[in-house]
Amino acid sequence: MGGPLYLEPQLGPRLRSLLATPGFPRMLTDALGSPLNVIVPDQIAENLDRFRSVYRDHHLSGQIFFAHKANRSSALLRRLAATDAGVDVASLGELQHALGAGFESGRISATGPKNPEFLWLAARAGVTVCVDSVGELDQLAGLVRKYALSPTRVLLRLSGFEASGVRVLSRRSRFGWPVQDLDALLEAVDRHADATELVGVAYHLDTTSLAEKTTALEGCLNVLEACRSRGLRPRAVDIGGGFGVNYLAHQEQWEQYTTGLTDAVLGRRPPLTWQGHGYGLRNEGGTLRGALGLYPAHRPVAGERYLDELLAHPAASLGGRSLATLLLEHLYDLHIEPGRALVDQCGLTLATVLEVRDSGTGGDLRVRLAMKADDVALEEHGVLMDPVVIPVAPRDGAGPRADAGPVAVHLFGSLCLETDMITRRTVFLPHRPQPGDVMAFANTAGYAMDFHAGRAQHQPVARKVAAWQDGDTWRWCLDEQYWPTTPSRGHE
């Protein structure tokens, strides 16, 4: 009833090889400190190919835009620039980064909230702008006219889709123009025909629900037809991201943990978290209340497989044919913006163990790492998985450690804050860690590396290195020094 509950991370061949290379992770932390982010650029090209295979299977065309906000790495962006992928930028800095990494304007889409500087550079460079409102379209057109720029390609981002028949509403979003007010937006498109070129429509939904995304895509197809009836010629629909990642190696471990957490909240087993934290669940007089606020860390259908299922889904309001069939029949391009899914298995975060302390009650160990919670923001995104422990080499060359055996630990960061916890979850490790061990947090490239990182208490943010395989050897360089032409790349 109270035994260890493991959440073993899913490790792809590259990450598994990197961690298994004797001395390599420790060499990196010895040279560059802890914490340290390790990026594997070649993996993003492989992930891109997997998404492209879904396009081929459904005979579709269109662009795959990497949602740059998922990771700031120059190495990942430059590696993608050497492919046919695009990049979705959501700030002036990201746009400048993409242009400097080698992306030509036709492969860049500008989304997100935009200030005048962001809009001006997007229009000046000739990238496609995804507009959220009539006001933003007015502002963009004004800049194009003021500076005598060429007409800017635009996508209209929409929201508030509703299905006929069984009532299905797409999730509310702060992004996009209400589709019920489409006429006002199309009137603005007509008004700015000299300064903008409508190339398609888009949506952004923060959900994994196939039904909601199907509703939104059906709605976009109807909007494209409405545009054509007005003499416009849009040719693309951008369905955003949200394809998900499978973080865990074993489904049964995830099911056992969530069941165990429920039992712990209800008092049926010892606590599984620091100070009884319930991740959204609570015990009210013996009744379970609330909702589990965790990412579904084991997702057998994620990434390109999720896209495949979405495209195969029937469009109930459009004759029951699959969404892929409808896109193909109308010769529409399909654009997607995977972030987390495109950097799946593209990196990990290393941290050195500073201190291992007994709790004083004979219970869990308290382990302090040379990192802050924001340096590996898995908990911020509700992702739970165990670190991989790389033991420090015994000084005397002795055999197996005498302290072998599973232990329960709590992982703390290095800030002088009660809240600086790497995970509120009690983590079960195969043996007692010791100072000098390195803990590797796998698959952190999607949002967990630098989306929340800061310099609190004058502690530095994690540095980044890019690593690649050269035959049987792993090589590395600083992230900002990586280019696809780096010597010994092996794929030119």
Protein backbone atom coordinates (compact mmCIF):
# COMPACT_ATOMS: atom_id res chain seq x y z
CA MET A 1 0.00 0.00 0.00
CA GLY A 2 2.85 2.41 0.80
CA GLY A 3 5.55 1.12 -1.58
CA PRO A 4 7.59 3.24 -3.99
CA LEU A 5 5.82 4.69 -7.02
CA TYR A 6 8.17 5.34 -9.93
CA LEU A 7 7.56 7.57 -12.94
CA GLU A 8 10.32 6.48 -15.32
CA PRO A 9 10.92 8.98 -18.12
CA GLN A 10 10.60 8.04 -21.76
CA LEU A 11 14.09 8.19 -23.25
CA GLY A 12 14.64 8.17 -26.98
CA PRO A 13 17.76 6.59 -28.50
CA ARG A 14 19.74 9.85 -28.55
CA LEU A 15 19.06 10.88 -24.96
CA ARG A 16 19.61 7.32 -23.75
CA SER A 17 22.94 7.15 -25.57
CA LEU A 18 24.04 10.54 -24.25
CA LEU A 19 23.29 9.61 -20.64
CA ALA A 20 24.94 6.21 -21.02
CA THR A 21 28.18 7.64 -22.42
CA PRO A 22 30.70 7.24 -19.58
CA GLY A 23 31.77 10.55 -18.11
CA PHE A 24 30.05 12.73 -20.72
CA PRO A 25 27.31 14.36 -18.58
CA ARG A 26 29.74 14.91 -15.71
CA MET A 27 32.34 16.42 -18.04
CA LEU A 28 29.74 18.96 -19.16
CA THR A 29 28.70 19.98 -15.65
CA ASP A 30 32.33 20.09 -14.48
CA ALA A 31 33.16 22.42 -17.37
CA LEU A 32 30.06 24.62 -17.47
CA GLY A 33 28.45 24.34 -14.07
CA SER A 34 25.10 23.29 -12.69
CA PRO A 35 22.39 23.56 -13.82
CA LEU A 36 23.11 22.92 -17.47
CA ASN A 37 20.77 22.47 -20.42
CA VAL A 38 21.85 20.04 -23.14
CA ILE A 39 20.24 20.41 -26.56
CA VAL A 40 20.24 17.66 -29.22
CA PRO A 41 19.57 19.53 -32.51
CA ASP A 42 19.45 16.51 -34.82
CA GLN A 43 16.39 15.22 -32.97
CA ILE A 44 14.26 18.16 -34.05
CA ALA A 45 14.95 17.34 -37.70
CA GLU A 46 13.84 13.75 -37.07
CA ASN A 47 10.67 14.95 -35.35
CA LEU A 48 9.95 17.22 -38.31
CA ASP A 49 10.21 14.22 -40.65
CA ARG A 50 7.63 12.37 -38.55
CA PHE A 51 5.14 15.21 -38.90
CA ARG A 52 5.89 15.43 -42.62
CA SER A 53 5.07 11.72 -42.99
CA VAL A 54 1.52 12.45 -41.76
CA TYR A 55 1.18 15.11 -44.46
CA ARG A 56 2.33 12.60 -47.06
CA ASP A 57 -0.05 9.90 -45.80
CA HIS A 58 -2.99 12.30 -46.20
CA HIS A 59 -1.65 13.84 -49.45
CA LEU A 60 -1.66 17.32 -47.91
CA SER A 61 0.57 20.32 -48.43
CA GLY A 62 1.37 23.15 -46.06
CA GLN A 63 3.99 24.36 -43.63
CA ILE A 64 5.13 23.07 -40.25
CA PHE A 65 6.04 26.11 -38.13
CA PHE A 66 8.10 25.55 -34.98
CA ALA A 67 6.57 27.53 -32.10
CA HIS A 68 9.77 29.32 -31.11
CA LYS A 69 8.49 30.26 -27.65
CA ALA A 70 8.93 26.63 -26.55
CA ASN A 71 12.73 27.07 -26.46
CA ARG A 72 15.20 29.93 -26.99
CA SER A 73 17.96 27.67 -28.32
CA SER A 74 19.92 29.00 -31.30
CA ALA A 75 21.10 25.48 -32.13
CA LEU A 76 17.54 24.16 -32.53
CA LEU A 77 16.54 27.12 -34.68
CA ARG A 78 19.60 26.92 -36.91
CA ARG A 79 19.17 23.16 -37.35
CA LEU A 80 15.57 23.74 -38.44
CA ALA A 81 16.67 26.48 -40.82
CA ALA A 82 18.62 23.78 -42.68
CA THR A 83 15.31 21.93 -43.33
CA ASP A 84 12.10 23.00 -45.09
CA ALA A 85 10.36 23.90 -41.79
CA GLY A 86 9.04 27.30 -40.85
CA VAL A 87 9.11 29.13 -37.53
CA ASP A 88 6.30 30.82 -35.62
CA VAL A 89 7.57 33.89 -33.77
CA ALA A 90 5.64 35.67 -31.03
CA SER A 91 7.84 38.68 -30.28
CA LEU A 92 10.21 41.15 -31.90
CA GLY A 93 13.18 39.33 -30.38
CA GLU A 94 12.04 35.96 -31.72
CA LEU A 95 11.59 37.44 -35.19
CA GLN A 96 15.10 38.90 -35.12
CA HIS A 97 16.44 35.55 -33.89
CA ALA A 98 14.71 33.65 -36.71
CA LEU A 99 15.99 35.99 -39.40
CA GLY A 100 19.51 35.74 -37.97
CA ALA A 101 19.32 31.94 -37.82
CA GLY A 102 18.81 31.68 -41.56
CA PHE A 103 15.04 31.63 -42.09
CA GLU A 104 13.86 33.53 -45.15
CA SER A 105 10.68 35.58 -44.74
CA GLY A 106 8.42 33.11 -46.55
CA ARG A 107 9.06 30.55 -43.81
CA ILE A 108 8.19 32.83 -40.87
CA SER A 109 4.79 33.45 -39.32
CA ALA A 110 4.31 36.22 -36.74
CA THR A 111 1.71 35.52 -34.06
CA GLY A 112 0.94 36.57 -30.50
CA PRO A 113 0.54 40.09 -29.07
CA LYS A 114 2.38 42.62 -31.24
CA ASN A 115 3.82 46.05 -30.57
CA PRO A 116 4.42 48.53 -33.44
CA GLU A 117 8.11 47.57 -33.72
CA PHE A 118 7.22 43.89 -34.11
CA LEU A 119 4.58 44.68 -36.74
CA TRP A 120 6.92 47.00 -38.65
CA LEU A 121 9.76 44.49 -38.88
CA ALA A 122 7.35 41.71 -39.85
CA ALA A 123 5.91 43.85 -42.64
CA ARG A 124 9.33 45.14 -43.70
CA ALA A 125 10.83 41.66 -43.85
CA GLY A 126 7.82 40.24 -45.67
CA VAL A 127 6.75 37.58 -43.18
CA THR A 128 3.16 36.39 -42.80
CA VAL A 129 1.28 38.08 -39.95
CA CYS A 130 -1.45 36.29 -38.02
CA VAL A 131 -3.79 39.10 -36.94
CA ASP A 132 -6.07 38.85 -33.91
CA SER A 133 -8.42 41.80 -34.39
CA VAL A 134 -9.67 44.56 -36.61
CA GLY A 135 -7.50 47.01 -34.66
CA GLU A 136 -4.35 45.00 -35.30
CA LEU A 137 -5.18 44.75 -39.01
CA ASP A 138 -5.76 48.52 -39.12
CA GLN A 139 -2.41 49.14 -37.42
CA LEU A 140 -0.54 46.80 -39.77
CA ALA A 141 -2.10 48.36 -42.88
CA GLY A 142 -1.23 51.82 -41.60
CA LEU A 143 2.43 50.87 -41.22
CA VAL A 144 2.52 49.33 -44.72
CA ARG A 145 1.13 52.51 -46.24
CA LYS A 146 3.23 54.90 -44.14
CA TYR A 147 6.51 53.23 -45.08
CA ALA A 148 5.50 52.30 -48.67
CA LEU A 149 5.99 48.58 -48.03
CA SER A 150 4.78 45.71 -50.19
CA PRO A 151 1.39 44.26 -49.19
CA THR A 152 1.76 41.97 -46.16
CA ARG A 153 0.39 38.43 -46.17
CA VAL A 154 -2.09 37.94 -43.33
CA LEU A 155 -3.93 35.11 -41.64
CA LEU A 156 -7.10 35.91 -39.68
CA ARG A 157 -7.03 34.24 -36.28
CA LEU A 158 -10.54 33.34 -35.13
CA SER A 159 -12.18 32.05 -31.97
CA GLY A 160 -15.55 31.08 -30.51
CA PHE A 161 -16.41 28.28 -32.93
CA GLU A 162 -19.63 26.35 -32.38
CA ALA A 163 -20.72 23.02 -33.85
CA SER A 164 -24.24 22.34 -35.10
CA GLY A 165 -26.30 19.47 -33.74
CA VAL A 166 -24.78 18.20 -30.50
CA ARG A 167 -23.54 21.37 -28.86
CA VAL A 168 -19.74 21.55 -28.86
CA LEU A 169 -18.07 24.87 -28.16
CA SER A 170 -14.40 25.45 -28.76
CA ARG A 171 -12.62 26.62 -25.62
CA ARG A 172 -12.59 30.36 -24.97
CA SER A 173 -9.32 32.01 -25.89
CA ARG A 174 -7.89 35.49 -25.41
CA PHE A 175 -6.51 35.16 -28.92
CA GLY A 176 -8.51 35.55 -32.09
CA TRP A 177 -11.54 37.47 -33.40
CA PRO A 178 -15.01 36.02 -32.57
CA VAL A 179 -16.18 34.11 -35.61
CA GLN A 180 -19.71 35.40 -34.95
CA ASP A 181 -18.42 38.88 -35.86
CA LEU A 182 -16.71 37.72 -39.05
CA ASP A 183 -18.35 40.33 -41.26
CA ALA A 184 -16.63 43.20 -39.45
CA LEU A 185 -13.25 41.52 -39.90
CA LEU A 186 -13.83 40.80 -43.59
CA GLU A 187 -14.94 44.39 -44.14
CA ALA A 188 -11.57 45.45 -42.71
CA VAL A 189 -9.84 43.02 -45.09
CA ASP A 190 -11.66 44.66 -48.03
CA ARG A 191 -10.77 48.10 -46.71
CA HIS A 192 -7.07 47.22 -46.56
CA ALA A 193 -6.82 45.28 -49.82
CA ASP A 194 -4.10 47.65 -51.03
CA ALA A 195 -1.89 46.97 -47.98
CA THR A 196 -2.57 43.33 -47.06
CA GLU A 197 -3.13 40.01 -48.79
CA LEU A 198 -5.43 37.50 -47.11
CA VAL A 199 -3.84 34.05 -47.40
CA GLY A 200 -5.88 32.11 -44.85
CA VAL A 201 -7.43 31.74 -41.41
CA ALA A 202 -6.19 30.30 -38.14
CA TYR A 203 -7.12 29.41 -34.58
CA HIS A 204 -5.35 28.87 -31.27
CA LEU A 205 -6.84 26.48 -28.70
CA ASP A 206 -5.25 25.55 -25.37
CA THR A 207 -6.79 22.08 -25.29
CA THR A 208 -6.08 18.45 -26.18
CA SER A 209 -9.73 17.76 -27.03
CA LEU A 210 -10.18 16.31 -30.51
CA ALA A 211 -13.84 17.36 -30.49
CA GLU A 212 -13.01 21.00 -29.79
CA LYS A 213 -10.27 21.10 -32.41
CA THR A 214 -12.50 19.40 -34.95
CA THR A 215 -15.17 22.02 -34.29
CA ALA A 216 -12.64 24.81 -34.81
CA LEU A 217 -11.24 23.32 -38.02
CA GLU A 218 -14.74 22.78 -39.44
CA GLY A 219 -15.50 26.39 -38.59
CA CYS A 220 -12.37 27.55 -40.41
CA LEU A 221 -13.35 25.62 -43.50
CA ASN A 222 -16.74 27.35 -43.47
CA VAL A 223 -15.04 30.74 -43.07
CA LEU A 224 -12.77 30.04 -46.05
CA GLU A 225 -15.87 29.44 -48.17
CA ALA A 226 -17.41 32.69 -46.89
CA CYS A 227 -14.23 34.49 -47.91
CA ARG A 228 -14.37 33.02 -51.38
CA SER A 229 -17.98 34.11 -51.78
CA ARG A 230 -16.74 37.69 -51.29
CA GLY A 231 -14.16 37.33 -54.05
CA LEU A 232 -11.22 36.72 -51.70
CA ARG A 233 -8.78 33.91 -52.40
CA PRO A 234 -7.50 32.45 -49.12
CA ARG A 235 -5.74 29.13 -49.49
CA ALA A 236 -4.58 27.98 -46.03
CA VAL A 237 -5.78 27.12 -42.55
CA ASP A 238 -3.43 27.22 -39.56
CA ILE A 239 -4.57 24.99 -36.68
CA GLY A 240 -1.84 25.97 -34.20
CA GLY A 241 -0.22 23.42 -31.90
CA GLY A 242 -1.23 21.38 -28.89
CA PHE A 243 -0.26 17.92 -30.20
CA GLY A 244 1.24 16.82 -26.92
CA VAL A 245 4.19 14.74 -25.74
CA ASN A 246 4.45 11.36 -24.08
CA TYR A 247 6.84 11.91 -21.16
CA LEU A 248 6.67 8.52 -19.42
CA ALA A 249 7.92 5.09 -20.39
CA HIS A 250 5.16 3.08 -18.72
CA GLN A 251 1.42 3.68 -18.69
CA GLU A 252 0.92 1.46 -15.64
CA GLN A 253 3.28 3.65 -13.59
CA TRP A 254 1.22 6.72 -14.42
CA GLU A 255 -2.03 4.95 -13.51
CA GLN A 256 -0.54 3.61 -10.28
CA TYR A 257 0.75 7.04 -9.30
CA THR A 258 -2.50 8.92 -9.94
CA THR A 259 -4.40 6.24 -8.05
CA GLY A 260 -1.86 6.42 -5.22
CA LEU A 261 -2.13 10.22 -5.12
CA THR A 262 -5.90 9.96 -4.78
CA ASP A 263 -5.52 7.45 -1.95
CA ALA A 264 -2.98 9.70 -0.23
CA VAL A 265 -5.27 12.74 -0.45
CA LEU A 266 -8.05 10.65 1.10
CA GLY A 267 -5.71 9.41 3.84
CA ARG A 268 -5.67 5.81 2.68
CA ARG A 269 -1.90 5.71 2.31
CA PRO A 270 1.06 7.83 3.47
CA PRO A 271 1.43 11.25 1.78
CA LEU A 272 3.05 11.34 -1.66
CA THR A 273 3.80 15.05 -1.69
CA TRP A 274 5.41 17.76 0.40
CA GLN A 275 3.02 18.87 3.15
CA GLY A 276 0.13 16.99 1.57
CA HIS A 277 -0.04 19.01 -1.64
CA GLY A 278 -2.85 17.50 -3.74
CA TYR A 279 -2.16 18.88 -7.25
CA GLY A 280 -5.71 20.21 -7.33
CA LEU A 281 -7.32 17.37 -5.35
CA ARG A 282 -8.59 17.82 -1.80
CA ASN A 283 -10.31 15.79 0.89
CA GLU A 284 -13.59 17.21 2.10
CA GLY A 285 -14.92 15.00 4.88
CA GLY A 286 -13.76 11.81 3.19
CA THR A 287 -15.00 12.87 -0.25
CA LEU A 288 -12.57 13.65 -3.05
CA ARG A 289 -13.04 17.14 -4.49
CA GLY A 290 -11.33 19.25 -7.10
CA ALA A 291 -9.64 18.29 -10.37
CA LEU A 292 -6.19 16.83 -10.96
CA GLY A 293 -4.07 19.71 -12.29
CA LEU A 294 -1.39 17.62 -13.98
CA TYR A 295 -0.29 17.17 -17.56
CA PRO A 296 -1.27 13.67 -18.78
CA ALA A 297 2.36 12.57 -18.72
CA HIS A 298 1.69 9.22 -20.41
CA ARG A 299 0.06 9.91 -23.77
CA PRO A 300 0.22 7.02 -26.24
CA VAL A 301 -1.35 9.26 -28.89
CA ALA A 302 0.76 12.41 -29.08
CA GLY A 303 2.80 14.44 -31.53
CA GLU A 304 2.41 13.34 -35.13
CA ARG A 305 0.04 10.52 -34.10
CA TYR A 306 -2.34 13.08 -32.61
CA LEU A 307 -2.23 15.09 -35.84
CA ASP A 308 -3.01 11.92 -37.79
CA GLU A 309 -6.05 11.19 -35.61
CA LEU A 310 -7.28 14.77 -35.95
CA LEU A 311 -7.06 14.68 -39.74
CA ALA A 312 -8.86 11.33 -39.87
CA HIS A 313 -11.68 12.65 -37.67
CA PRO A 314 -15.04 13.03 -39.47
CA ALA A 315 -16.45 16.53 -39.90
CA ALA A 316 -20.04 16.03 -38.74
CA SER A 317 -21.29 19.36 -40.08
CA LEU A 318 -19.67 18.84 -43.50
CA GLY A 319 -21.06 15.48 -44.57
CA GLY A 320 -19.08 13.25 -42.26
CA ARG A 321 -16.00 13.13 -44.45
CA SER A 322 -12.61 13.33 -42.79
CA LEU A 323 -11.01 16.70 -42.21
CA ALA A 324 -8.06 15.63 -44.37
CA THR A 325 -10.41 14.79 -47.24
CA LEU A 326 -12.09 18.20 -47.02
CA LEU A 327 -8.74 20.01 -47.02
CA LEU A 328 -7.60 17.98 -50.02
CA GLU A 329 -10.81 18.47 -51.99
CA HIS A 330 -10.54 22.23 -51.66
CA LEU A 331 -6.76 22.23 -52.27
CA TYR A 332 -6.18 24.07 -49.00
CA ASP A 333 -2.78 24.12 -47.35
CA LEU A 334 -2.62 22.94 -43.74
CA HIS A 335 -0.29 24.85 -41.44
CA ILE A 336 0.56 23.68 -37.93
CA GLU A 337 2.60 25.21 -35.09
CA PRO A 338 3.97 22.44 -32.86
CA GLY A 339 6.18 23.62 -30.01
CA ARG A 340 6.45 21.02 -27.28
CA ALA A 341 5.85 18.17 -29.77
CA LEU A 342 8.56 19.31 -32.19
CA VAL A 343 11.20 19.45 -29.45
CA ASP A 344 10.20 16.09 -27.95
CA GLN A 345 13.40 14.28 -26.86
CA CYS A 346 15.48 17.29 -27.96
CA GLY A 347 17.16 17.97 -24.66
CA LEU A 348 17.67 17.42 -20.96
CA THR A 349 18.72 19.40 -17.90
CA LEU A 350 21.59 18.37 -15.63
CA ALA A 351 21.96 19.35 -11.98
CA THR A 352 24.54 18.43 -9.35
CA VAL A 353 23.50 17.17 -5.91
CA LEU A 354 24.76 19.59 -3.25
CA GLU A 355 23.36 18.10 -0.06
CA VAL A 356 21.52 14.99 1.15
CA ARG A 357 19.91 15.42 4.54
CA ASP A 358 17.83 13.10 6.69
CA SER A 359 14.49 14.60 7.65
CA GLY A 360 15.06 13.77 11.32
CA THR A 361 11.89 11.72 11.51
CA GLY A 362 13.23 8.62 9.84
CA GLY A 363 11.22 9.45 6.74
CA ASP A 364 12.03 11.02 3.38
CA LEU A 365 15.43 12.44 2.49
CA ARG A 366 15.83 16.09 1.62
CA VAL A 367 18.04 16.58 -1.40
CA ARG A 368 19.28 20.03 -2.40
CA LEU A 369 20.36 20.54 -6.01
CA ALA A 370 22.54 23.19 -7.63
CA MET A 371 19.59 24.66 -9.52
CA LYS A 372 16.44 26.70 -8.99
CA ALA A 373 12.93 25.38 -9.57
CA ASP A 374 12.56 27.78 -12.51
CA ASP A 375 15.61 26.20 -14.17
CA VAL A 376 13.62 23.03 -14.79
CA ALA A 377 10.01 24.18 -14.79
CA LEU A 378 8.41 20.77 -15.21
CA GLU A 379 6.28 21.33 -12.15
CA GLU A 380 5.11 24.69 -13.54
CA HIS A 381 3.58 22.78 -16.47
CA GLY A 382 2.27 19.91 -14.35
CA VAL A 383 4.73 17.37 -15.77
CA LEU A 384 5.81 14.67 -13.31
CA MET A 385 8.66 12.24 -14.01
CA ASP A 386 11.69 10.89 -12.20
CA PRO A 387 15.21 12.20 -12.79
CA VAL A 388 17.92 9.85 -13.97
CA VAL A 389 20.66 9.65 -11.33
CA ILE A 390 24.26 9.52 -12.56
CA PRO A 391 26.34 8.48 -9.51
CA VAL A 392 29.57 10.21 -8.68
CA ALA A 393 32.52 7.86 -9.29
CA PRO A 394 33.78 6.28 -6.01
CA ARG A 395 37.11 7.85 -5.11
CA ASP A 396 38.67 4.53 -4.21
CA GLY A 397 37.31 2.62 -7.17
CA ALA A 398 35.18 0.48 -4.88
CA GLY A 399 32.42 -1.74 -6.15
CA PRO A 400 28.65 -1.25 -5.81
CA ARG A 401 27.55 1.28 -3.25
CA ALA A 402 26.57 -0.09 0.12
CA ASP A 403 23.50 2.17 0.33
CA ALA A 404 21.70 0.51 -2.60
CA GLY A 405 17.94 0.24 -2.25
CA PRO A 406 14.95 2.46 -3.08
CA VAL A 407 14.57 5.69 -1.12
CA ALA A 408 11.97 8.46 -1.01
CA VAL A 409 13.32 11.98 -1.45
CA HIS A 410 12.14 15.54 -1.84
CA LEU A 411 14.10 17.63 -4.31
CA PHE A 412 14.78 21.24 -3.31
CA GLY A 413 16.35 24.08 -5.21
CA SER A 414 19.14 26.40 -4.10
CA LEU A 415 17.11 29.55 -3.41
CA CYS A 416 16.39 30.87 0.07
CA LEU A 417 12.65 30.31 -0.43
CA GLU A 418 10.29 27.70 0.99
CA THR A 419 8.64 27.52 -2.42
CA ASP A 420 11.86 26.69 -4.31
CA MET A 421 11.00 23.03 -4.83
CA ILE A 422 12.05 21.11 -7.91
CA THR A 423 8.97 18.97 -7.41
CA ARG A 424 6.35 18.89 -4.68
CA ARG A 425 6.02 15.19 -5.34
CA THR A 426 7.87 12.64 -3.26
CA VAL A 427 10.35 11.15 -5.72
CA PHE A 428 11.41 7.51 -5.38
CA LEU A 429 15.00 6.79 -6.42
CA PRO A 430 16.66 3.38 -6.82
CA HIS A 431 19.30 4.26 -4.19
CA ARG A 432 20.29 7.03 -1.80
CA PRO A 433 21.92 9.90 -3.72
CA GLN A 434 25.06 11.59 -2.45
CA PRO A 435 26.72 14.96 -3.00
CA GLY A 436 28.41 15.09 -6.39
CA ASP A 437 25.84 12.88 -8.12
CA VAL A 438 24.31 14.39 -11.24
CA MET A 439 20.56 14.28 -11.74
CA ALA A 440 19.35 14.39 -15.33
CA PHE A 441 15.84 15.65 -16.00
CA ALA A 442 14.88 14.24 -19.38
CA ASN A 443 12.90 15.84 -22.20
CA THR A 444 12.95 19.40 -20.87
CA ALA A 445 13.38 21.19 -24.21
CA GLY A 446 9.67 22.02 -24.46
CA TYR A 447 8.99 25.02 -22.19
CA ALA A 448 10.82 23.57 -19.14
CA MET A 449 14.32 24.94 -19.85
CA ASP A 450 14.09 28.71 -20.09
CA PHE A 451 10.44 29.77 -20.36
CA HIS A 452 10.41 30.63 -16.65
CA ALA A 453 14.15 30.91 -15.90
CA GLY A 454 15.35 33.97 -13.98
CA ARG A 455 18.32 35.33 -12.04
CA ALA A 456 16.82 35.48 -8.55
CA GLN A 457 19.33 36.06 -5.72
CA HIS A 458 22.03 36.69 -8.34
CA GLN A 459 22.05 33.01 -9.22
CA PRO A 460 22.72 32.48 -12.93
CA VAL A 461 20.33 30.84 -15.35
CA ALA A 462 21.37 27.52 -16.83
CA ARG A 463 23.76 27.66 -19.76
CA LYS A 464 23.01 25.70 -22.93
CA VAL A 465 25.18 23.38 -24.95
CA ALA A 466 24.40 21.58 -28.19
CA ALA A 467 25.43 17.93 -28.47
CA TRP A 468 25.56 15.60 -31.47
CA GLN A 469 26.80 12.15 -32.34
CA ASP A 470 29.90 11.76 -34.49
CA GLY A 471 30.03 8.02 -35.09
CA ASP A 472 30.30 6.43 -31.65
CA THR A 473 31.38 9.69 -30.04
CA TRP A 474 29.34 12.52 -28.57
CA ARG A 475 30.60 16.03 -29.34
CA TRP A 476 29.41 19.37 -28.02
CA CYS A 477 29.73 23.12 -28.31
CA LEU A 478 28.04 26.10 -26.71
CA ASP A 479 24.50 26.53 -28.00
CA GLU A 480 25.23 29.91 -29.58
CA GLN A 481 28.27 28.47 -31.40
CA TYR A 482 26.34 25.69 -33.13
CA TRP A 483 25.64 25.90 -36.86
CA PRO A 484 24.59 23.14 -39.27
CA THR A 485 28.05 23.56 -40.83
CA THR A 486 29.82 22.84 -37.52
CA PRO A 487 32.78 20.48 -38.22
CA SER A 488 32.13 16.74 -37.74
CA ARG A 489 28.38 17.26 -38.12
CA GLY A 490 28.20 14.21 -40.36
CA HIS A 491 24.99 15.09 -42.27
CA GLU A 492 26.03 17.77 -44.74
